[in-house]
Structure formats: C-alpha cells, structure tokens
Protein backbone atom coordinates (compact mmCIF):
# COMPACT_ATOMS: atom_id res chain seq x y z
CA TYR A 1 0.00 0.00 0.00
CA LYS A 2 2.90 2.34 0.67
CA GLN A 3 4.17 1.92 -2.92
CA ILE A 4 0.68 2.57 -4.29
CA ALA A 5 0.30 5.71 -2.16
CA GLU A 6 3.56 7.07 -3.60
CA ILE A 7 2.42 6.83 -7.25
CA SER A 8 2.59 10.30 -8.76
CA SER A 9 3.21 9.56 -12.45
CA VAL A 10 2.83 6.93 -15.12
CA ALA A 11 6.49 6.01 -14.58
CA ASP A 12 5.72 5.33 -10.90
CA TYR A 13 2.70 3.28 -11.97
CA LYS A 14 4.88 1.14 -14.25
CA ARG A 15 7.50 0.68 -11.52
CA VAL A 16 4.97 -0.41 -8.89
CA TYR A 17 3.09 -2.63 -11.36
CA SER A 18 6.30 -4.42 -12.36
CA SER A 19 7.44 -4.75 -8.76
CA LEU A 20 4.14 -6.28 -7.62
CA GLU A 21 3.99 -8.55 -10.67
CA GLU A 22 7.53 -9.83 -10.01
CA MET A 23 6.71 -10.56 -6.36
CA TYR A 24 3.21 -12.02 -6.72
CA GLY A 25 2.73 -12.99 -10.36
CA PRO A 26 -0.20 -11.80 -12.48
CA LEU A 27 -2.11 -9.05 -10.67
CA PRO A 28 -5.83 -9.38 -10.00
CA GLN A 29 -8.07 -6.73 -11.56
CA ALA A 30 -8.77 -5.20 -8.13
CA VAL A 31 -5.07 -4.43 -7.64
CA ILE A 32 -4.75 -3.03 -11.17
CA ASN A 33 -7.74 -0.79 -10.43
CA LEU A 34 -6.02 0.51 -7.27
CA LEU A 35 -2.92 1.36 -9.29
CA VAL A 36 -4.96 3.09 -12.00
CA ILE A 37 -6.89 5.09 -9.39
CA ALA A 38 -3.63 6.16 -7.72
CA VAL A 39 -2.11 7.56 -10.92
CA LEU A 40 -5.41 9.19 -11.95
CA LYS A 41 -5.75 10.91 -8.56
CA SER A 42 -2.19 12.16 -8.80
CA TYR A 43 -2.77 13.85 -12.17
CA ALA A 44 -6.19 15.14 -11.06
CA ALA A 45 -4.67 16.83 -8.01
CA LYS A 46 -2.46 18.94 -10.29
CA PHE A 47 -5.62 20.54 -11.72
CA ASN A 48 -7.57 20.74 -8.44
CA VAL A 49 -10.15 18.25 -9.70
CA ARG A 50 -12.80 18.11 -6.99
CA LYS A 51 -14.36 14.76 -7.82
CA ILE A 52 -13.61 11.74 -10.02
CA SER A 53 -16.39 9.30 -10.84
CA VAL A 54 -17.21 6.42 -13.14
CA VAL A 55 -20.90 5.52 -13.36
CA LYS A 56 -22.71 3.47 -16.01
CA GLY A 57 -20.06 3.77 -18.70
CA VAL A 58 -19.38 7.49 -18.20
CA GLY A 59 -16.31 8.89 -16.48
CA ALA A 60 -16.33 12.38 -15.01
CA LEU A 61 -13.83 14.93 -13.74
CA GLU A 62 -15.50 17.66 -11.69
CA PHE A 63 -13.59 20.94 -11.59
CA PRO A 64 -13.92 23.52 -8.81
CA SER A 65 -14.94 26.42 -11.04
CA LEU A 66 -15.36 27.74 -14.54
CA GLU A 67 -11.99 29.43 -14.17
CA ALA A 68 -10.37 25.99 -13.91
CA LEU A 69 -11.81 25.13 -17.32
CA GLY A 70 -10.31 28.35 -18.66
CA ASP A 71 -6.83 26.91 -18.11
CA LYS A 72 -5.26 26.71 -21.57
CA ARG A 73 -3.87 23.27 -20.75
CA ILE A 74 -7.35 21.90 -20.05
CA GLN A 75 -8.62 23.61 -23.20
CA ALA A 76 -5.85 21.93 -25.21
CA ALA A 77 -6.81 18.53 -23.76
CA MET A 78 -10.51 19.19 -24.47
CA ASP A 79 -9.58 19.96 -28.07
CA LYS A 80 -7.40 16.87 -28.46
CA TYR A 81 -10.04 14.54 -26.94
CA ARG A 82 -13.07 16.37 -28.38
CA GLU A 83 -14.55 13.21 -29.90
CA ARG A 84 -14.53 11.39 -26.55
CA VAL A 85 -15.35 14.13 -24.04
CA ARG A 86 -18.16 16.58 -23.45
CA LEU A 87 -18.73 19.40 -21.01
CA ASN A 88 -21.61 19.09 -18.54
CA MET A 89 -22.49 22.27 -16.67
CA SER A 90 -25.74 21.07 -15.02
CA GLU A 91 -24.41 21.35 -11.44
CA ALA A 92 -20.67 22.04 -11.62
CA PRO A 93 -18.12 22.19 -14.42
CA VAL A 94 -17.64 18.53 -15.36
CA VAL A 95 -15.70 16.99 -18.21
CA GLU A 96 -17.42 13.70 -19.10
CA PHE A 97 -15.75 10.80 -20.90
CA PHE A 98 -17.87 8.41 -22.92
CA GLY A 99 -17.56 5.65 -25.48
CA ARG A 100 -15.88 3.08 -23.24
CA ARG A 101 -17.66 0.47 -21.15
CA GLU A 102 -15.10 -0.77 -18.64
CA ALA A 103 -14.32 1.40 -15.61
CA THR A 104 -10.59 0.74 -15.97
CA ASP A 105 -10.69 1.94 -19.60
CA LEU A 106 -12.52 5.12 -18.59
CA MET A 107 -10.02 5.81 -15.81
CA ALA A 108 -7.16 5.24 -18.26
CA GLU A 109 -8.78 7.70 -20.68
CA MET A 110 -9.15 10.30 -17.92
CA THR A 111 -5.50 9.76 -16.96
CA LYS A 112 -4.40 10.30 -20.57
CA PHE A 113 -6.47 13.48 -20.74
CA LEU A 114 -4.92 14.93 -17.57
CA LYS A 115 -1.41 13.80 -18.49
CA PHE A 116 -1.76 15.48 -21.88
CA ALA A 117 -3.04 18.65 -20.19
CA GLY A 118 -0.02 18.62 -17.88
CA GLN A 119 2.32 18.32 -20.85
CA ALA A 120 0.39 20.91 -22.86
CA LYS A 121 2.05 23.70 -20.85
CA LYS A 122 5.37 22.79 -22.42
CA MET A 123 3.81 22.90 -25.88
CA LEU A 124 1.99 26.18 -25.18
CA ASP A 125 5.16 27.79 -23.82
CA PHE A 126 7.00 27.10 -27.07
CA THR A 127 4.34 28.15 -29.54
CA THR A 128 5.39 30.70 -32.08
CA PRO A 129 3.22 32.85 -34.32
CA VAL A 130 3.30 31.98 -38.00
CA HIS A 131 1.58 34.35 -40.44
CA TYR A 132 -0.52 33.09 -43.32
CA ASN A 133 -2.63 35.51 -45.37
CA ASN A 134 -2.04 38.22 -42.75
CA GLU A 135 -3.59 36.08 -40.00
CA ALA A 136 -1.57 34.84 -37.06
CA ASN A 137 -1.80 31.10 -36.51
CA TYR A 138 0.02 29.53 -33.59
CA VAL A 139 2.06 26.46 -34.28
CA GLY A 140 3.78 24.47 -31.55
CA PRO A 141 6.37 21.73 -31.69
CA GLU A 142 5.20 18.28 -32.67
CA SER A 143 4.73 16.09 -29.63
CA SER A 144 4.99 12.35 -29.39
CA LEU A 145 2.82 11.02 -26.60
CA ASP A 146 3.41 7.30 -26.93
CA LEU A 147 2.17 6.07 -23.59
CA ALA A 148 1.84 2.39 -24.44
CA GLY A 149 1.89 0.01 -21.53
CA CYS A 150 0.98 2.53 -18.86
CA ILE A 151 -2.33 1.28 -17.56
CA GLY A 152 -3.31 -2.31 -16.93
CA GLY A 153 0.02 -3.82 -17.71
CA ARG A 154 1.92 -3.83 -20.92
CA GLU A 155 -0.99 -4.30 -23.33
CA ASN A 156 -3.17 -1.27 -22.61
CA ASN A 157 -2.44 2.27 -23.70
CA VAL A 158 -2.59 5.53 -21.79
C-alpha cells in the first residue's frame, strides 16, 4: 500500500506494477484498479479536480470552477479529446468521458487526458506565431505522446 500511495506519475505506476507482478505474479483486476486510481488521482490533483467518478459507462472529472476550465492546458486537452469528451455544466463544471464500457478503460482515458493537459504547458510555452494571409496562426512543436503500456500492464495504452 505504501508503494501505491507514492504513485505520482505513469512512470511510478509502471515501476509499482512491475514490482508487484515480479513478487506475486499476475495481478488481479482489483489491484490493477487501485494502481490506476492512484495515478489518476495524482494527475487530477495537479488541476484541483474536486471529484472523479465512473458511473454506467461514463467517467467524469469535476472541476472547482469555470476558471479551472479556462486553463489553456485543459482547453488543449478538451480539443485533443473532443470526440470522446463533453462538457456538462448542469451542477458544476464537469468533463465527461464516454464511449468506453469498462471502468478501468474510462479511468485510463481520464488519466491520458490529464497527463496530456499537464504536458500541454510545455507545448503552449514554445508556440510561435506563424503568419498566413495576414492572419496569425500559432504552431507548436510536434509532440509524441506514446504512452503504451501505462495502464493495466503492458498491453493497454494511456
């Protein structure tokens, strides 16, 4: 439990997963879920996410305010994942994830979203204006986010 509590990144997740697998063999789904929850909570804390939930095939990240959604990093992640997320403002600002049935898959998708948002700052910091037809378009460096093997062992992708 101490190792799980110390997970603060996908690299930590991989390290703990491998360590537990070496000691005990194939991990039961309940243990994998604990590891996924730990890494998801770590990334969510960086954006002050108030609540994380997975109910009936929909994952949700509840943010504390509209201002939190104004964060350019969250906006970049919303744009990247626009086909798999939607904004629900019925009670609080909530980013909902849909299209996946398994809770572990939804949590992995939410982790990818938050990890991308965390890395988006680096991309946003290095954007440079490029002018086409007298209009400024902002182009950032290409980013490779190959996160294979991060959630649920070596076969799933985050």
